[in-house]
Protein backbone atom coordinates (compact mmCIF):
# COMPACT_ATOMS: atom_id res chain seq x y z
CA MET A 1 96.97 125.43 66.46
CA ILE A 2 99.75 124.02 68.59
CA PHE A 3 98.73 120.42 67.38
CA GLU A 4 98.54 121.52 63.82
CA ALA A 5 102.42 122.04 64.36
CA GLY A 6 102.99 118.40 65.28
CA VAL A 7 102.83 119.02 68.92
CA LYS A 8 100.84 115.80 70.52
CA THR A 9 100.74 116.61 74.26
CA ALA A 10 101.00 119.97 75.95
CA ILE A 11 101.20 120.22 79.71
CA ILE A 12 100.56 123.64 81.53
CA THR A 13 101.29 124.05 85.25
CA LEU A 14 99.18 126.48 87.04
CA GLY A 15 100.99 126.88 90.66
CA GLU A 16 98.47 126.16 93.40
CA GLN A 17 95.57 126.06 90.57
CA GLY A 18 96.90 122.60 89.21
CA THR A 19 97.95 121.42 86.00
CA VAL A 20 96.16 120.96 82.59
CA CYS A 21 97.31 118.39 80.24
CA LEU A 22 96.18 118.88 76.67
CA THR A 23 96.38 115.96 73.95
CA VAL A 24 94.88 115.81 70.73
CA ASP A 25 92.24 113.70 72.27
CA LYS A 26 91.29 115.08 75.50
CA GLU A 27 91.93 117.79 78.12
CA MET A 28 92.71 116.59 81.64
CA TYR A 29 92.84 118.66 84.84
CA PHE A 30 95.23 117.73 87.89
CA PRO A 31 94.37 119.36 90.97
CA THR A 32 97.37 120.57 93.10
CA ILE A 33 98.26 118.65 96.37
CA SER A 34 97.50 120.78 99.22
CA VAL A 35 100.34 121.62 101.43
CA ASN A 36 101.94 124.31 103.39
CA ALA A 37 104.04 126.45 100.68
CA VAL A 38 107.13 128.10 101.90
CA ASP A 39 109.13 128.78 98.79
CA THR A 40 108.05 128.06 95.15
CA THR A 41 111.28 129.13 93.23
CA VAL A 42 112.02 125.62 91.99
CA ALA A 43 108.57 124.08 91.60
CA GLY A 44 108.36 124.40 87.90
CA ASP A 45 111.85 122.71 87.15
CA VAL A 46 111.11 120.09 89.76
CA PHE A 47 107.74 119.50 88.32
CA SER A 48 109.60 119.20 84.65
CA GLY A 49 112.43 117.07 85.75
CA SER A 50 110.19 114.64 87.83
CA PHE A 51 107.92 114.25 84.78
CA MET A 52 110.64 112.94 82.52
CA LYS A 53 111.78 110.67 85.23
CA ALA A 54 108.46 109.40 85.64
CA LEU A 55 108.00 108.86 81.81
CA ALA A 56 111.27 107.20 81.23
CA GLY A 57 110.66 104.99 84.28
CA GLY A 58 107.45 103.73 82.68
CA LEU A 59 104.75 105.31 84.10
CA ASP A 60 101.83 106.46 81.93
CA LEU A 61 101.19 110.16 80.81
CA GLU A 62 98.71 110.70 83.71
CA LYS A 63 100.61 108.87 86.37
CA ALA A 64 103.57 110.80 85.30
CA ILE A 65 101.95 114.02 86.10
CA VAL A 66 100.75 113.01 89.32
CA TYR A 67 104.18 111.89 90.02
CA ALA A 68 105.61 115.53 88.89
CA SER A 69 103.01 117.07 91.15
CA CYS A 70 103.91 115.12 94.02
CA ALA A 71 107.66 116.17 93.50
CA ALA A 72 106.69 119.80 92.86
CA SER A 73 104.50 119.75 95.97
CA LEU A 74 107.03 118.71 98.35
CA SER A 75 109.52 121.10 96.78
CA VAL A 76 107.48 123.98 97.81
CA THR A 77 107.34 123.04 101.17
CA ARG A 78 111.09 124.00 101.83
CA GLN A 79 113.06 127.12 101.82
CA GLY A 80 115.89 127.19 99.34
CA VAL A 81 116.78 125.89 96.05
CA THR A 82 118.95 122.78 97.08
CA GLU A 83 116.83 121.97 99.87
CA SER A 84 113.79 122.13 97.77
CA VAL A 85 114.50 118.98 95.79
CA SER A 86 113.12 115.51 97.60
CA ASP A 87 114.75 112.23 97.17
CA ALA A 88 112.89 109.87 95.16
CA GLY A 89 111.63 107.64 98.14
CA GLU A 90 109.74 110.71 99.66
CA VAL A 91 107.98 111.66 96.25
CA TRP A 92 107.28 107.95 95.64
CA ASP A 93 105.71 107.48 99.03
CA LEU A 94 103.59 110.77 98.27
CA PHE A 95 102.61 109.33 94.77
CA LEU A 96 101.44 106.08 96.46
CA LYS A 97 99.21 107.88 98.97
CA GLN A 98 97.68 110.01 96.17
CA GLN A 99 97.07 106.84 94.02
CA THR A 100 95.17 105.23 97.23
CA MET A 101 93.30 108.15 97.73
CA GLU A 102 92.15 108.29 94.12
CA GLU A 103 91.18 104.46 94.24
CA GLU A 104 88.81 105.21 97.25
CA LYS A 105 87.15 107.73 95.55
CA ARG A 106 86.13 105.27 92.98
């Protein structure tokens, strides 16, 4: 269906249920990062922008999704639109923590 139209990658965010990434070759699921959510108003926008930033910065698809999930997770811990946007350093710190946890699981 969607791939027949020329789409190569589809990313579906499911809020607290995680993120699904579909490609022509595979399906991947990424769980959310557990946080105390306060306001989810801009989480999707933060995910999208952070995902594009991560790809443009050279991260591969899977790491870009994790980076975007980190940014979105941080965004929901704060009340208000402007306050919800974290600086890149804070997102990067959480991203590195998630990468370390994944490596320890292996």
